[in-house]
């Protein structure tokens, strides 16, 4: 049975912007945890050219109900003109971990 949880993917151009966004999301109780995966290479089309960029990937663990607030925050704070913001469902998870996520995502 699907859960109300999601992982949101977001790439960042460098370690500093990734860390800033991760800390902001956790401090505002929008994410229970954000993993920063360094050293990814992205190949994509931009303005009719094939581009390659070295980026950091954020794995944002949250509730689907927080998606809109996360999208708004990322659009405002992210250095990219059009940041990658993609939500994926968490279909299943260790119940204790999901309970921990819920406790982190509750307003203080």
PDB file of N, CA and C in Angstrom:
ATOM      1  N   UNK A   1       0.846  -1.175   0.000  1.00  0.00           N
ATOM      2  CA  UNK A   1       0.000   0.000   0.000  1.00  0.00           C
ATOM      3  C   UNK A   1       0.896   1.244   0.000  1.00  0.00           C
ATOM      4  N   UNK A   2       0.635   2.194  -0.914  1.00  0.00           N
ATOM      5  CA  UNK A   2       1.445   3.414  -0.955  1.00  0.00           C
ATOM      6  C   UNK A   2       1.336   4.210   0.347  1.00  0.00           C
ATOM      7  N   UNK A   3       2.375   4.921   0.631  1.00  0.00           N
ATOM      8  CA  UNK A   3       2.411   5.777   1.813  1.00  0.00           C
ATOM      9  C   UNK A   3       2.200   7.226   1.386  1.00  0.00           C
ATOM     10  N   UNK A   4       2.007   8.144   2.338  1.00  0.00           N
ATOM     11  CA  UNK A   4       1.870   9.562   1.998  1.00  0.00           C
ATOM     12  C   UNK A   4       3.225  10.257   1.838  1.00  0.00           C
ATOM     13  N   UNK A   5       4.305   9.463   1.754  1.00  0.00           N
ATOM     14  CA  UNK A   5       5.653  10.017   1.719  1.00  0.00           C
ATOM     15  C   UNK A   5       6.184  10.107   0.293  1.00  0.00           C
ATOM     16  N   UNK A   6       7.145  11.002   0.103  1.00  0.00           N
ATOM     17  CA  UNK A   6       7.750  11.199  -1.212  1.00  0.00           C
ATOM     18  C   UNK A   6       9.230  11.500  -1.062  1.00  0.00           C
ATOM     19  N   UNK A   7       9.948  11.249  -2.138  1.00  0.00           N
ATOM     20  CA  UNK A   7      11.317  11.717  -2.282  1.00  0.00           C
ATOM     21  C   UNK A   7      11.295  12.716  -3.423  1.00  0.00           C
ATOM     22  N   UNK A   8      11.827  13.891  -3.167  1.00  0.00           N
ATOM     23  CA  UNK A   8      11.912  14.923  -4.200  1.00  0.00           C
ATOM     24  C   UNK A   8      13.368  15.027  -4.626  1.00  0.00           C
ATOM     25  N   UNK A   9      13.586  14.981  -5.928  1.00  0.00           N
ATOM     26  CA  UNK A   9      14.920  15.114  -6.498  1.00  0.00           C
ATOM     27  C   UNK A   9      15.138  16.557  -6.922  1.00  0.00           C
ATOM     28  N   UNK A  10      16.327  17.058  -6.619  1.00  0.00           N
ATOM     29  CA  UNK A  10      16.665  18.423  -7.023  1.00  0.00           C
ATOM     30  C   UNK A  10      18.177  18.499  -7.195  1.00  0.00           C
ATOM     31  N   UNK A  11      18.641  18.895  -8.372  1.00  0.00           N
ATOM     32  CA  UNK A  11      20.069  19.052  -8.598  1.00  0.00           C
ATOM     33  C   UNK A  11      20.501  20.474  -8.278  1.00  0.00           C
ATOM     34  N   UNK A  12      21.750  20.596  -7.824  1.00  0.00           N
ATOM     35  CA  UNK A  12      22.333  21.895  -7.473  1.00  0.00           C
ATOM     36  C   UNK A  12      23.695  22.018  -8.152  1.00  0.00           C
ATOM     37  N   UNK A  13      24.123  23.248  -8.443  1.00  0.00           N
ATOM     38  CA  UNK A  13      25.377  23.424  -9.168  1.00  0.00           C
ATOM     39  C   UNK A  13      26.630  23.193  -8.330  1.00  0.00           C
ATOM     40  N   UNK A  14      26.512  23.262  -6.994  1.00  0.00           N
ATOM     41  CA  UNK A  14      27.710  23.142  -6.167  1.00  0.00           C
ATOM     42  C   UNK A  14      27.336  22.731  -4.744  1.00  0.00           C
ATOM     43  N   UNK A  15      28.368  22.381  -3.976  1.00  0.00           N
ATOM     44  CA  UNK A  15      28.179  21.891  -2.608  1.00  0.00           C
ATOM     45  C   UNK A  15      27.537  22.949  -1.710  1.00  0.00           C
ATOM     46  N   UNK A  16      27.958  24.206  -1.837  1.00  0.00           N
ATOM     47  CA  UNK A  16      27.438  25.262  -0.965  1.00  0.00           C
ATOM     48  C   UNK A  16      25.944  25.485  -1.158  1.00  0.00           C
ATOM     49  N   UNK A  17      25.497  25.554  -2.409  1.00  0.00           N
ATOM     50  CA  UNK A  17      24.051  25.765  -2.634  1.00  0.00           C
ATOM     51  C   UNK A  17      23.259  24.534  -2.199  1.00  0.00           C
ATOM     52  N   UNK A  18      23.802  23.350  -2.407  1.00  0.00           N
ATOM     53  CA  UNK A  18      23.112  22.132  -1.977  1.00  0.00           C
ATOM     54  C   UNK A  18      22.953  22.112  -0.463  1.00  0.00           C
ATOM     55  N   UNK A  19      24.024  22.430   0.255  1.00  0.00           N
ATOM     56  CA  UNK A  19      23.980  22.416   1.722  1.00  0.00           C
ATOM     57  C   UNK A  19      23.012  23.479   2.248  1.00  0.00           C
ATOM     58  N   UNK A  20      23.039  24.654   1.640  1.00  0.00           N
ATOM     59  CA  UNK A  20      22.139  25.741   2.057  1.00  0.00           C
ATOM     60  C   UNK A  20      20.678  25.325   1.901  1.00  0.00           C
ATOM     61  N   UNK A  21      20.340  24.755   0.748  1.00  0.00           N
ATOM     62  CA  UNK A  21      18.954  24.342   0.503  1.00  0.00           C
ATOM     63  C   UNK A  21      18.548  23.199   1.427  1.00  0.00           C
ATOM     64  N   UNK A  22      19.442  22.239   1.629  1.00  0.00           N
ATOM     65  CA  UNK A  22      19.137  21.106   2.516  1.00  0.00           C
ATOM     66  C   UNK A  22      18.857  21.587   3.932  1.00  0.00           C
ATOM     67  N   UNK A  23      19.713  22.444   4.448  1.00  0.00           N
ATOM     68  CA  UNK A  23      19.530  22.956   5.808  1.00  0.00           C
ATOM     69  C   UNK A  23      18.247  23.771   5.931  1.00  0.00           C
ATOM     70  N   UNK A  24      17.930  24.544   4.922  1.00  0.00           N
ATOM     71  CA  UNK A  24      16.707  25.348   4.935  1.00  0.00           C
ATOM     72  C   UNK A  24      15.467  24.446   4.969  1.00  0.00           C
ATOM     73  N   UNK A  25      15.448  23.403   4.157  1.00  0.00           N
ATOM     74  CA  UNK A  25      14.303  22.492   4.116  1.00  0.00           C
ATOM     75  C   UNK A  25      14.105  21.762   5.445  1.00  0.00           C
ATOM     76  N   UNK A  26      15.193  21.303   6.046  1.00  0.00           N
ATOM     77  CA  UNK A  26      15.086  20.590   7.323  1.00  0.00           C
ATOM     78  C   UNK A  26      14.703  21.551   8.443  1.00  0.00           C
ATOM     79  N   UNK A  27      15.293  22.745   8.453  1.00  0.00           N
ATOM     80  CA  UNK A  27      15.008  23.701   9.532  1.00  0.00           C
ATOM     81  C   UNK A  27      13.560  24.177   9.515  1.00  0.00           C
ATOM     82  N   UNK A  28      12.924  24.168   8.349  1.00  0.00           N
ATOM     83  CA  UNK A  28      11.526  24.587   8.230  1.00  0.00           C
ATOM     84  C   UNK A  28      10.556  23.404   8.345  1.00  0.00           C
ATOM     85  N   UNK A  29      11.058  22.228   8.748  1.00  0.00           N
ATOM     86  CA  UNK A  29      10.257  21.010   8.896  1.00  0.00           C
ATOM     87  C   UNK A  29       9.559  20.602   7.597  1.00  0.00           C
ATOM     88  N   UNK A  30      10.148  20.961   6.470  1.00  0.00           N
ATOM     89  CA  UNK A  30       9.605  20.544   5.180  1.00  0.00           C
ATOM     90  C   UNK A  30      10.196  19.217   4.731  1.00  0.00           C
ATOM     91  N   UNK A  31      11.368  18.868   5.265  1.00  0.00           N
ATOM     92  CA  UNK A  31      12.020  17.601   4.955  1.00  0.00           C
ATOM     93  C   UNK A  31      12.506  16.977   6.249  1.00  0.00           C
ATOM     94  N   UNK A  32      12.324  15.662   6.352  1.00  0.00           N
ATOM     95  CA  UNK A  32      12.851  14.948   7.519  1.00  0.00           C
ATOM     96  C   UNK A  32      14.356  14.763   7.366  1.00  0.00           C
ATOM     97  N   UNK A  33      14.788  14.558   6.144  1.00  0.00           N
ATOM     98  CA  UNK A  33      16.203  14.316   5.851  1.00  0.00           C
ATOM     99  C   UNK A  33      16.445  14.712   4.399  1.00  0.00           C
ATOM    100  N   UNK A  34      17.618  15.271   4.143  1.00  0.00           N
ATOM    101  CA  UNK A  34      18.034  15.552   2.774  1.00  0.00           C
ATOM    102  C   UNK A  34      19.423  14.963   2.597  1.00  0.00           C
ATOM    103  N   UNK A  35      19.530  14.016   1.676  1.00  0.00           N
ATOM    104  CA  UNK A  35      20.845  13.475   1.328  1.00  0.00           C
ATOM    105  C   UNK A  35      21.418  14.322   0.210  1.00  0.00           C
ATOM    106  N   UNK A  36      22.698  14.629   0.307  1.00  0.00           N
ATOM    107  CA  UNK A  36      23.403  15.342  -0.751  1.00  0.00           C
ATOM    108  C   UNK A  36      24.342  14.335  -1.407  1.00  0.00           C
ATOM    109  N   UNK A  37      24.065  14.022  -2.666  1.00  0.00           N
ATOM    110  CA  UNK A  37      24.881  13.072  -3.411  1.00  0.00           C
ATOM    111  C   UNK A  37      25.819  13.875  -4.304  1.00  0.00           C
ATOM    112  N   UNK A  38      27.117  13.885  -3.974  1.00  0.00           N
ATOM    113  CA  UNK A  38      28.058  14.706  -4.744  1.00  0.00           C
ATOM    114  C   UNK A  38      28.519  14.005  -6.021  1.00  0.00           C
ATOM    115  N   UNK A  39      29.062  14.799  -6.905  1.00  0.00           N
ATOM    116  CA  UNK A  39      29.793  14.263  -8.041  1.00  0.00           C
ATOM    117  C   UNK A  39      28.972  13.614  -9.132  1.00  0.00           C
ATOM    118  N   UNK A  40      27.746  14.054  -9.336  1.00  0.00           N
ATOM    119  CA  UNK A  40      26.989  13.502 -10.460  1.00  0.00           C
ATOM    120  C   UNK A  40      27.274  14.351 -11.697  1.00  0.00           C
ATOM    121  N   UNK A  41      27.145  13.741 -12.837  1.00  0.00           N
ATOM    122  CA  UNK A  41      27.290  14.442 -14.104  1.00  0.00           C
ATOM    123  C   UNK A  41      25.948  14.404 -14.810  1.00  0.00           C
ATOM    124  N   UNK A  42      25.452  15.567 -15.164  1.00  0.00           N
ATOM    125  CA  UNK A  42      24.178  15.668 -15.874  1.00  0.00           C
ATOM    126  C   UNK A  42      24.438  16.065 -17.317  1.00  0.00           C
ATOM    127  N   UNK A  43      23.781  15.396 -18.238  1.00  0.00           N
ATOM    128  CA  UNK A  43      23.840  15.724 -19.661  1.00  0.00           C
ATOM    129  C   UNK A  43      22.419  16.052 -20.076  1.00  0.00           C
ATOM    130  N   UNK A  44      22.218  17.236 -20.647  1.00  0.00           N
ATOM    131  CA  UNK A  44      20.861  17.694 -20.940  1.00  0.00           C
ATOM    132  C   UNK A  44      20.876  18.694 -22.089  1.00  0.00           C
ATOM    133  N   UNK A  45      19.695  18.922 -22.642  1.00  0.00           N
ATOM    134  CA  UNK A  45      19.530  19.902 -23.709  1.00  0.00           C
ATOM    135  C   UNK A  45      19.081  21.221 -23.098  1.00  0.00           C
ATOM    136  N   UNK A  46      19.751  22.303 -23.462  1.00  0.00           N
ATOM    137  CA  UNK A  46      19.371  23.631 -22.967  1.00  0.00           C
ATOM    138  C   UNK A  46      19.630  24.636 -24.077  1.00  0.00           C
ATOM    139  N   UNK A  47      18.583  25.348 -24.459  1.00  0.00           N
ATOM    140  CA  UNK A  47      18.662  26.368 -25.505  1.00  0.00           C
ATOM    141  C   UNK A  47      19.320  25.812 -26.766  1.00  0.00           C
ATOM    142  N   UNK A  48      18.812  24.659 -27.208  1.00  0.00           N
ATOM    143  CA  UNK A  48      19.227  23.987 -28.445  1.00  0.00           C
ATOM    144  C   UNK A  48      20.679  23.522 -28.451  1.00  0.00           C
ATOM    145  N   UNK A  49      21.266  23.324 -27.265  1.00  0.00           N
ATOM    146  CA  UNK A  49      22.622  22.784 -27.183  1.00  0.00           C
ATOM    147  C   UNK A  49      22.641  21.645 -26.166  1.00  0.00           C
ATOM    148  N   UNK A  50      23.522  20.691 -26.401  1.00  0.00           N
ATOM    149  CA  UNK A  50      23.733  19.631 -25.423  1.00  0.00           C
ATOM    150  C   UNK A  50      24.753  20.151 -24.415  1.00  0.00           C
ATOM    151  N   UNK A  51      24.346  20.159 -23.144  1.00  0.00           N
ATOM    152  CA  UNK A  51      25.188  20.668 -22.055  1.00  0.00           C
ATOM    153  C   UNK A  51      25.590  19.526 -21.135  1.00  0.00           C
ATOM    154  N   UNK A  52      26.714  19.696 -20.469  1.00  0.00           N
ATOM    155  CA  UNK A  52      27.174  18.774 -19.439  1.00  0.00           C
ATOM    156  C   UNK A  52      27.511  19.601 -18.214  1.00  0.00           C
ATOM    157  N   UNK A  53      27.033  19.163 -17.052  1.00  0.00           N
ATOM    158  CA  UNK A  53      27.303  19.898 -15.809  1.00  0.00           C
ATOM    159  C   UNK A  53      27.624  18.910 -14.691  1.00  0.00           C
ATOM    160  N   UNK A  54      28.542  19.294 -13.832  1.00  0.00           N
ATOM    161  CA  UNK A  54      28.849  18.537 -12.627  1.00  0.00           C
ATOM    162  C   UNK A  54      27.993  19.132 -11.520  1.00  0.00           C
ATOM    163  N   UNK A  55      27.178  18.290 -10.884  1.00  0.00           N
ATOM    164  CA  UNK A  55      26.191  18.780  -9.940  1.00  0.00           C
ATOM    165  C   UNK A  55      26.178  17.944  -8.661  1.00  0.00           C
ATOM    166  N   UNK A  56      25.379  18.415  -7.719  1.00  0.00           N
ATOM    167  CA  UNK A  56      25.081  17.710  -6.478  1.00  0.00           C
ATOM    168  C   UNK A  56      23.586  17.396  -6.531  1.00  0.00           C
ATOM    169  N   UNK A  57      23.211  16.185  -6.134  1.00  0.00           N
ATOM    170  CA  UNK A  57      21.806  15.785  -6.160  1.00  0.00           C
ATOM    171  C   UNK A  57      21.250  15.777  -4.747  1.00  0.00           C
ATOM    172  N   UNK A  58      20.144  16.480  -4.551  1.00  0.00           N
ATOM    173  CA  UNK A  58      19.425  16.435  -3.276  1.00  0.00           C
ATOM    174  C   UNK A  58      18.351  15.354  -3.355  1.00  0.00           C
ATOM    175  N   UNK A  59      18.324  14.484  -2.333  1.00  0.00           N
ATOM    176  CA  UNK A  59      17.247  13.514  -2.158  1.00  0.00           C
ATOM    177  C   UNK A  59      16.470  13.987  -0.933  1.00  0.00           C
ATOM    178  N   UNK A  60      15.348  14.611  -1.169  1.00  0.00           N
ATOM    179  CA  UNK A  60      14.558  15.267  -0.125  1.00  0.00           C
ATOM    180  C   UNK A  60      13.440  14.318   0.306  1.00  0.00           C
ATOM    181  N   UNK A  61      13.485  13.876   1.568  1.00  0.00           N
ATOM    182  CA  UNK A  61      12.489  12.937   2.088  1.00  0.00           C
ATOM    183  C   UNK A  61      11.428  13.718   2.848  1.00  0.00           C
ATOM    184  N   UNK A  62      10.187  13.566   2.390  1.00  0.00           N
ATOM    185  CA  UNK A  62       9.125  14.429   2.898  1.00  0.00           C
ATOM    186  C   UNK A  62       7.750  13.766   2.770  1.00  0.00           C
ATOM    187  N   UNK A  63       6.722  14.533   3.059  1.00  0.00           N
ATOM    188  CA  UNK A  63       5.330  14.149   2.829  1.00  0.00           C
ATOM    189  C   UNK A  63       4.842  14.814   1.544  1.00  0.00           C
ATOM    190  N   UNK A  64       3.962  14.133   0.811  1.00  0.00           N
ATOM    191  CA  UNK A  64       3.390  14.758  -0.392  1.00  0.00           C
ATOM    192  C   UNK A  64       2.687  16.071  -0.062  1.00  0.00           C
ATOM    193  N   UNK A  65       2.112  16.171   1.122  1.00  0.00           N
ATOM    194  CA  UNK A  65       1.411  17.405   1.487  1.00  0.00           C
ATOM    195  C   UNK A  65       2.364  18.593   1.597  1.00  0.00           C
ATOM    196  N   UNK A  66       3.657  18.345   1.697  1.00  0.00           N
ATOM    197  CA  UNK A  66       4.651  19.429   1.777  1.00  0.00           C
ATOM    198  C   UNK A  66       5.198  19.833   0.405  1.00  0.00           C
ATOM    199  N   UNK A  67       4.762  19.122  -0.643  1.00  0.00           N
ATOM    200  CA  UNK A  67       5.352  19.363  -1.962  1.00  0.00           C
ATOM    201  C   UNK A  67       5.266  20.831  -2.392  1.00  0.00           C
ATOM    202  N   UNK A  68       4.101  21.417  -2.308  1.00  0.00           N
ATOM    203  CA  UNK A  68       3.944  22.788  -2.823  1.00  0.00           C
ATOM    204  C   UNK A  68       4.838  23.772  -2.080  1.00  0.00           C
ATOM    205  N   UNK A  69       4.931  23.635  -0.768  1.00  0.00           N
ATOM    206  CA  UNK A  69       5.801  24.528   0.011  1.00  0.00           C
ATOM    207  C   UNK A  69       7.264  24.325  -0.371  1.00  0.00           C
ATOM    208  N   UNK A  70       7.658  23.072  -0.631  1.00  0.00           N
ATOM    209  CA  UNK A  70       9.038  22.789  -1.046  1.00  0.00           C
ATOM    210  C   UNK A  70       9.300  23.370  -2.420  1.00  0.00           C
ATOM    211  N   UNK A  71       8.371  23.180  -3.337  1.00  0.00           N
ATOM    212  CA  UNK A  71       8.548  23.748  -4.679  1.00  0.00           C
ATOM    213  C   UNK A  71       8.685  25.269  -4.609  1.00  0.00           C
ATOM    214  N   UNK A  72       7.845  25.910  -3.829  1.00  0.00           N
ATOM    215  CA  UNK A  72       7.906  27.368  -3.693  1.00  0.00           C
ATOM    216  C   UNK A  72       9.256  27.805  -3.128  1.00  0.00           C
ATOM    217  N   UNK A  73       9.710  27.140  -2.071  1.00  0.00           N
ATOM    218  CA  UNK A  73      11.002  27.485  -1.465  1.00  0.00           C
ATOM    219  C   UNK A  73      12.142  27.272  -2.454  1.00  0.00           C
ATOM    220  N   UNK A  74      12.155  26.129  -3.140  1.00  0.00           N
ATOM    221  CA  UNK A  74      13.238  25.849  -4.081  1.00  0.00           C
ATOM    222  C   UNK A  74      13.241  26.836  -5.245  1.00  0.00           C
ATOM    223  N   UNK A  75      12.073  27.164  -5.773  1.00  0.00           N
ATOM    224  CA  UNK A  75      12.029  28.120  -6.888  1.00  0.00           C
ATOM    225  C   UNK A  75      12.573  29.488  -6.468  1.00  0.00           C
ATOM    226  N   UNK A  76      12.307  29.861  -5.221  1.00  0.00           N
ATOM    227  CA  UNK A  76      12.755  31.164  -4.721  1.00  0.00           C
ATOM    228  C   UNK A  76      14.251  31.177  -4.377  1.00  0.00           C
ATOM    229  N   UNK A  77      14.745  30.087  -3.787  1.00  0.00           N
ATOM    230  CA  UNK A  77      16.112  30.063  -3.252  1.00  0.00           C
ATOM    231  C   UNK A  77      17.150  29.419  -4.181  1.00  0.00           C
ATOM    232  N   UNK A  78      16.711  28.689  -5.183  1.00  0.00           N
ATOM    233  CA  UNK A  78      17.630  27.931  -6.033  1.00  0.00           C
ATOM    234  C   UNK A  78      18.341  28.843  -7.027  1.00  0.00           C
ATOM    235  N   UNK A  79      19.634  28.599  -7.296  1.00  0.00           N
ATOM    236  CA  UNK A  79      20.357  29.455  -8.235  1.00  0.00           C
ATOM    237  C   UNK A  79      19.999  29.229  -9.710  1.00  0.00           C
ATOM    238  N   UNK A  80      19.370  28.096 -10.045  1.00  0.00           N
ATOM    239  CA  UNK A  80      19.017  27.836 -11.443  1.00  0.00           C
ATOM    240  C   UNK A  80      17.741  28.576 -11.833  1.00  0.00           C
ATOM    241  N   UNK A  81      17.674  28.964 -13.103  1.00  0.00           N
ATOM    242  CA  UNK A  81      16.468  29.593 -13.646  1.00  0.00           C
ATOM    243  C   UNK A  81      15.285  28.631 -13.573  1.00  0.00           C
ATOM    244  N   UNK A  82      15.525  27.375 -13.962  1.00  0.00           N
ATOM    245  CA  UNK A  82      14.501  26.332 -13.892  1.00  0.00           C
ATOM    246  C   UNK A  82      15.122  25.138 -13.173  1.00  0.00           C
ATOM    247  N   UNK A  83      14.945  25.059 -11.856  1.00  0.00           N
ATOM    248  CA  UNK A  83      15.545  23.927 -11.135  1.00  0.00           C
ATOM    249  C   UNK A  83      14.778  22.625 -11.375  1.00  0.00           C
ATOM    250  N   UNK A  84      15.517  21.538 -11.301  1.00  0.00           N
ATOM    251  CA  UNK A  84      14.885  20.224 -11.339  1.00  0.00           C
ATOM    252  C   UNK A  84      14.169  20.013 -10.005  1.00  0.00           C
ATOM    253  N   UNK A  85      12.873  19.791 -10.067  1.00  0.00           N
ATOM    254  CA  UNK A  85      12.081  19.467  -8.878  1.00  0.00           C
ATOM    255  C   UNK A  85      11.126  18.361  -9.311  1.00  0.00           C
ATOM    256  N   UNK A  86      11.454  17.119  -8.915  1.00  0.00           N
ATOM    257  CA  UNK A  86      10.679  15.958  -9.335  1.00  0.00           C
ATOM    258  C   UNK A  86      10.332  15.137  -8.103  1.00  0.00           C
ATOM    259  N   UNK A  87       9.057  14.856  -7.914  1.00  0.00           N
ATOM    260  CA  UNK A  87       8.604  14.076  -6.758  1.00  0.00           C
ATOM    261  C   UNK A  87       8.322  12.634  -7.169  1.00  0.00           C
ATOM    262  N   UNK A  88       8.820  11.713  -6.344  1.00  0.00           N
ATOM    263  CA  UNK A  88       8.595  10.282  -6.545  1.00  0.00           C
ATOM    264  C   UNK A  88       7.937   9.713  -5.293  1.00  0.00           C
ATOM    265  N   UNK A  89       6.988   8.801  -5.464  1.00  0.00           N
ATOM    266  CA  UNK A  89       6.345   8.231  -4.278  1.00  0.00           C
ATOM    267  C   UNK A  89       7.266   7.251  -3.563  1.00  0.00           C
ATOM    268  N   UNK A  90       7.136   7.207  -2.252  1.00  0.00           N
ATOM    269  CA  UNK A  90       7.746   6.144  -1.463  1.00  0.00           C
ATOM    270  C   UNK A  90       6.642   5.116  -1.280  1.00  0.00           C
ATOM    271  N   UNK A  91       6.749   4.006  -1.959  1.00  0.00           N
ATOM    272  CA  UNK A  91       5.697   2.992  -1.941  1.00  0.00           C
ATOM    273  C   UNK A  91       5.646   2.242  -0.619  1.00  0.00           C
ATOM    274  N   UNK A  92       6.814   1.939  -0.078  1.00  0.00           N
ATOM    275  CA  UNK A  92       6.896   1.205   1.181  1.00  0.00           C
ATOM    276  C   UNK A  92       8.126   1.684   1.921  1.00  0.00           C
ATOM    277  N   UNK A  93       8.149   1.434   3.223  1.00  0.00           N
ATOM    278  CA  UNK A  93       9.319   1.784   4.016  1.00  0.00           C
ATOM    279  C   UNK A  93       9.259   1.126   5.383  1.00  0.00           C
ATOM    280  N   UNK A  94      10.390   1.080   6.039  1.00  0.00           N
ATOM    281  CA  UNK A  94      10.444   0.551   7.395  1.00  0.00           C
ATOM    282  C   UNK A  94       9.509   1.389   8.260  1.00  0.00           C
ATOM    283  N   UNK A  95       8.526   0.773   8.911  1.00  0.00           N
ATOM    284  CA  UNK A  95       7.546   1.553   9.668  1.00  0.00           C
ATOM    285  C   UNK A  95       8.185   2.507  10.682  1.00  0.00           C
ATOM    286  N   UNK A  96       9.216   2.067  11.374  1.00  0.00           N
ATOM    287  CA  UNK A  96       9.859   2.937  12.362  1.00  0.00           C
ATOM    288  C   UNK A  96      10.506   4.156  11.700  1.00  0.00           C
ATOM    289  N   UNK A  97      11.070   3.965  10.508  1.00  0.00           N
ATOM    290  CA  UNK A  97      11.668   5.097   9.794  1.00  0.00           C
ATOM    291  C   UNK A  97      10.585   6.076   9.353  1.00  0.00           C
ATOM    292  N   UNK A  98       9.488   5.548   8.848  1.00  0.00           N
ATOM    293  CA  UNK A  98       8.394   6.421   8.416  1.00  0.00           C
ATOM    294  C   UNK A  98       7.779   7.160   9.610  1.00  0.00           C
ATOM    295  N   UNK A  99       7.708   6.501  10.762  1.00  0.00           N
ATOM    296  CA  UNK A  99       7.233   7.187  11.973  1.00  0.00           C
ATOM    297  C   UNK A  99       8.189   8.313  12.356  1.00  0.00           C
ATOM    298  N   UNK A 100       9.494   8.054  12.249  1.00  0.00           N
ATOM    299  CA  UNK A 100      10.487   9.094  12.538  1.00  0.00           C
ATOM    300  C   UNK A 100      10.313  10.268  11.574  1.00  0.00           C
ATOM    301  N   UNK A 101      10.120   9.955  10.278  1.00  0.00           N
ATOM    302  CA  UNK A 101       9.896  11.032   9.314  1.00  0.00           C
ATOM    303  C   UNK A 101       8.686  11.870   9.708  1.00  0.00           C
ATOM    304  N   UNK A 102       7.598  11.220  10.086  1.00  0.00           N
ATOM    305  CA  UNK A 102       6.384  11.926  10.476  1.00  0.00           C
ATOM    306  C   UNK A 102       6.659  12.857  11.659  1.00  0.00           C
ATOM    307  N   UNK A 103       7.423  12.372  12.643  1.00  0.00           N
ATOM    308  CA  UNK A 103       7.716  13.201  13.805  1.00  0.00           C
ATOM    309  C   UNK A 103       8.560  14.425  13.428  1.00  0.00           C
ATOM    310  N   UNK A 104       9.433  14.279  12.446  1.00  0.00           N
ATOM    311  CA  UNK A 104      10.267  15.408  11.995  1.00  0.00           C
ATOM    312  C   UNK A 104       9.473  16.425  11.179  1.00  0.00           C
ATOM    313  N   UNK A 105       8.431  15.973  10.540  1.00  0.00           N
ATOM    314  CA  UNK A 105       7.672  16.824   9.638  1.00  0.00           C
ATOM    315  C   UNK A 105       6.475  17.485  10.300  1.00  0.00           C
ATOM    316  N   UNK A 106       6.281  17.202  11.557  1.00  0.00           N
ATOM    317  CA  UNK A 106       5.197  17.850  12.304  1.00  0.00           C
ATOM    318  C   UNK A 106       5.646  19.236  12.753  1.00  0.00           C
ATOM    319  N   UNK A 107       4.738  20.204  12.731  1.00  0.00           N
ATOM    320  CA  UNK A 107       5.122  21.541  13.224  1.00  0.00           C
ATOM    321  C   UNK A 107       5.531  21.480  14.689  1.00  0.00           C
ATOM    322  N   UNK A 108       6.523  22.272  15.038  1.00  0.00           N
ATOM    323  CA  UNK A 108       6.987  22.327  16.444  1.00  0.00           C
ATOM    324  C   UNK A 108       5.985  23.055  17.314  1.00  0.00           C
TER     325      UNK A 108
END
